[in-house]
Amino acid sequence: MSDPRRSVEPGEPGSWEHEEHSEADAEARRGRRRSKTMSRKEIARDLRRQRALGVVDPELAALVEEIEKARPRSRADCARAGRPCMFVSCKHHLYLDVNPSTGSIKLNFPDKEIWELEETCALDVADRGGITLEEVGGIMNLTRERIRQVETRGLQKLRTIAEEEPRRDPEPEGPVPPLDDP
């Protein structure tokens, strides 16, 4: 025997509209968007297109040069600088990451501007001391589980390096007795 089929109204559980709405609700509950990665080819193509159209603004070039002069040269200079840090090209900045092998750029917070971030410098976070995986995940726009995986992988690499390093005998404490000549 077959059961009579029930038609599903739009917006009811089981309809495609309900599923789409549920995903949007889940995204809103999580409160974050996934990172966006731009390839080096994509960036180069956009730059060539801008240059061909003559969009390169001389005022912008002058501004970039001025910012480059103001860039901190040491951690001491950086620590005294105002926050949020506007120097996104710094390797310690949390707004974006550059993959050195591919040249791709990953925007960690594609839905936020720099000044909307609570933390912009990884060194400031490290200076504060230990924080939980949940807090690190919020700062880096990653899940707690992903942070745990990265931590485990980093610790494993450190162990491997430590095991491969030749062992040295510890220095004896106190005065060393003179060697007897036969």
Protein backbone atom coordinates (compact mmCIF):
# COMPACT_ATOMS: atom_id res chain seq x y z
CA MET A 1 0.00 0.00 0.00
CA SER A 2 1.19 3.44 -0.71
CA ASP A 3 0.81 6.40 1.60
CA PRO A 4 -0.89 9.45 0.20
CA ARG A 5 1.71 12.09 -0.68
CA ARG A 6 1.44 15.30 1.24
CA SER A 7 2.31 18.48 -0.61
CA VAL A 8 4.85 20.66 1.15
CA GLU A 9 4.03 24.34 1.40
CA PRO A 10 6.83 26.89 0.85
CA GLY A 11 8.57 27.75 4.11
CA GLU A 12 7.53 24.52 5.84
CA PRO A 13 10.07 21.99 7.04
CA GLY A 14 11.07 19.86 4.07
CA SER A 15 10.73 22.60 1.47
CA TRP A 16 13.78 24.04 -0.26
CA GLU A 17 12.90 27.52 1.07
CA HIS A 18 12.98 26.22 4.63
CA GLU A 19 16.38 24.58 4.10
CA GLU A 20 17.81 27.81 2.70
CA HIS A 21 16.37 29.78 5.59
CA SER A 22 17.80 27.29 8.09
CA GLU A 23 21.30 27.69 6.62
CA ALA A 24 21.01 31.47 6.90
CA ASP A 25 19.87 31.12 10.53
CA ALA A 26 22.78 28.79 11.28
CA GLU A 27 25.22 31.27 9.68
CA ALA A 28 23.77 34.12 11.76
CA ARG A 29 24.04 32.06 14.94
CA ARG A 30 27.69 31.32 14.23
CA GLY A 31 28.28 35.02 13.67
CA ARG A 32 31.19 34.70 11.27
CA ARG A 33 31.90 34.28 7.59
CA ARG A 34 34.48 31.97 6.11
CA SER A 35 37.80 33.35 4.96
CA LYS A 36 38.20 34.36 1.32
CA THR A 37 41.36 33.46 -0.60
CA MET A 38 42.51 35.38 -3.67
CA SER A 39 45.11 33.78 -5.93
CA ARG A 40 48.19 35.62 -7.12
CA LYS A 41 46.94 35.31 -10.71
CA GLU A 42 43.62 36.90 -9.80
CA ILE A 43 45.36 39.81 -8.06
CA ALA A 44 47.80 40.32 -10.95
CA ARG A 45 44.94 40.24 -13.48
CA ASP A 46 43.04 42.93 -11.54
CA LEU A 47 46.16 45.09 -11.28
CA ARG A 48 46.85 44.79 -15.03
CA ARG A 49 43.21 45.69 -15.76
CA GLN A 50 43.45 48.79 -13.52
CA ARG A 51 46.71 49.91 -15.14
CA ALA A 52 45.26 49.41 -18.64
CA LEU A 53 42.27 51.55 -17.74
CA GLY A 54 44.51 54.18 -16.16
CA VAL A 55 42.86 53.73 -12.79
CA VAL A 56 46.13 53.96 -10.83
CA ASP A 57 45.56 57.07 -8.75
CA PRO A 58 48.64 59.26 -8.16
CA GLU A 59 47.12 60.44 -4.88
CA LEU A 60 46.83 56.82 -3.75
CA ALA A 61 50.45 56.17 -4.72
CA ALA A 62 51.53 59.19 -2.64
CA LEU A 63 49.46 57.93 0.30
CA VAL A 64 51.05 54.47 0.08
CA GLU A 65 54.52 56.06 0.10
CA GLU A 66 53.61 58.17 3.16
CA ILE A 67 52.26 55.12 5.00
CA GLU A 68 55.43 53.18 4.15
CA LYS A 69 57.53 55.91 5.80
CA ALA A 70 55.39 55.73 8.95
CA ARG A 71 55.57 51.92 9.18
CA PRO A 72 57.07 50.67 12.46
CA ARG A 73 60.51 49.12 12.01
CA SER A 74 60.70 47.21 15.34
CA ARG A 75 58.36 45.64 17.91
CA ALA A 76 59.02 48.57 20.26
CA ASP A 77 57.81 51.01 17.57
CA CYS A 78 54.82 48.79 16.89
CA ALA A 79 53.82 48.42 20.57
CA ARG A 80 53.71 52.20 20.97
CA ALA A 81 51.62 52.67 17.81
CA GLY A 82 47.87 53.15 17.95
CA ARG A 83 45.38 50.36 17.59
CA PRO A 84 43.82 49.07 15.44
CA CYS A 85 46.99 48.61 13.41
CA MET A 86 46.52 49.69 9.81
CA PHE A 87 49.65 47.95 8.47
CA VAL A 88 47.97 44.85 7.01
CA SER A 89 51.12 43.84 5.13
CA CYS A 90 52.85 43.05 8.45
CA LYS A 91 53.24 39.29 8.89
CA HIS A 92 51.76 39.55 12.41
CA HIS A 93 48.58 41.32 11.30
CA LEU A 94 45.42 39.24 11.76
CA TYR A 95 43.36 40.74 8.91
CA LEU A 96 45.03 38.77 6.14
CA ASP A 97 47.56 35.99 5.55
CA VAL A 98 49.91 35.62 2.58
CA ASN A 99 50.97 32.15 1.50
CA PRO A 100 54.67 32.53 0.62
CA SER A 101 54.76 29.49 -1.67
CA THR A 102 51.75 30.43 -3.83
CA GLY A 103 51.51 34.17 -3.24
CA SER A 104 47.79 33.89 -2.55
CA ILE A 105 46.16 36.21 -0.03
CA LYS A 106 43.57 34.97 2.47
CA LEU A 107 41.24 37.55 3.94
CA ASN A 108 40.47 36.22 7.42
CA PHE A 109 37.54 38.60 7.93
CA PRO A 110 35.97 39.29 4.50
CA ASP A 111 32.88 40.86 6.05
CA LYS A 112 34.73 43.34 8.31
CA GLU A 113 36.91 46.37 7.90
CA ILE A 114 40.23 46.63 9.76
CA TRP A 115 38.93 49.11 12.31
CA GLU A 116 36.05 46.75 13.19
CA LEU A 117 38.43 44.04 14.46
CA GLU A 118 38.88 43.68 18.22
CA GLU A 119 42.47 42.45 17.77
CA THR A 120 44.71 43.28 14.82
CA CYS A 121 48.18 42.14 15.93
CA ALA A 122 49.18 38.59 16.89
CA LEU A 123 52.08 39.99 18.96
CA ASP A 124 49.66 41.99 21.14
CA VAL A 125 47.68 38.80 21.79
CA ALA A 126 50.89 36.91 22.65
CA ASP A 127 52.02 39.70 25.03
CA ARG A 128 48.78 39.33 26.99
CA GLY A 129 49.54 35.72 27.83
CA GLY A 130 47.65 32.43 27.55
CA ILE A 131 44.16 32.34 26.08
CA THR A 132 41.71 29.53 25.34
CA LEU A 133 41.23 27.78 22.01
CA GLU A 134 37.81 29.44 21.79
CA GLU A 135 39.37 32.91 22.14
CA VAL A 136 42.07 32.12 19.56
CA GLY A 137 39.36 30.87 17.20
CA GLY A 138 37.44 34.13 17.59
CA ILE A 139 40.54 36.21 16.96
CA MET A 140 41.57 34.24 13.85
CA ASN A 141 38.06 33.49 12.49
CA LEU A 142 38.59 29.73 12.81
CA THR A 143 36.81 27.05 14.80
CA ARG A 144 38.13 25.81 18.11
CA GLU A 145 38.71 22.39 16.54
CA ARG A 146 40.80 23.84 13.71
CA ILE A 147 42.90 25.78 16.24
CA ARG A 148 43.46 22.54 18.18
CA GLN A 149 44.58 20.79 14.96
CA VAL A 150 47.03 23.58 14.11
CA GLU A 151 48.38 23.54 17.68
CA THR A 152 48.88 19.76 17.59
CA ARG A 153 50.66 19.94 14.22
CA GLY A 154 52.94 22.76 15.41
CA LEU A 155 53.86 20.90 18.60
CA GLN A 156 54.61 17.77 16.56
CA LYS A 157 56.95 19.75 14.29
CA LEU A 158 58.75 21.17 17.35
CA ARG A 159 59.15 17.66 18.81
CA THR A 160 60.60 16.41 15.52
CA ILE A 161 63.10 19.27 15.41
CA ALA A 162 64.07 18.70 19.06
CA GLU A 163 64.60 14.97 18.47
CA GLU A 164 66.76 15.57 15.39
CA GLU A 165 68.97 18.10 17.19
CA PRO A 166 72.13 16.51 18.58
CA ARG A 167 72.09 16.09 22.33
CA ARG A 168 74.72 17.88 24.35
CA ASP A 169 75.77 16.79 27.81
CA PRO A 170 74.73 19.32 30.40
CA GLU A 171 77.50 21.49 31.75
CA PRO A 172 78.66 20.35 35.20
CA GLU A 173 77.75 22.71 37.97
CA GLY A 174 80.45 24.11 40.21
CA PRO A 175 84.22 24.13 39.65
CA VAL A 176 85.64 21.57 37.26
CA PRO A 177 88.41 19.47 38.83
CA PRO A 178 91.79 19.77 37.06
CA LEU A 179 92.92 16.92 34.88
CA ASP A 180 95.82 14.88 36.26
CA ASP A 181 98.79 14.67 33.91
CA PRO A 182 100.43 11.20 33.99
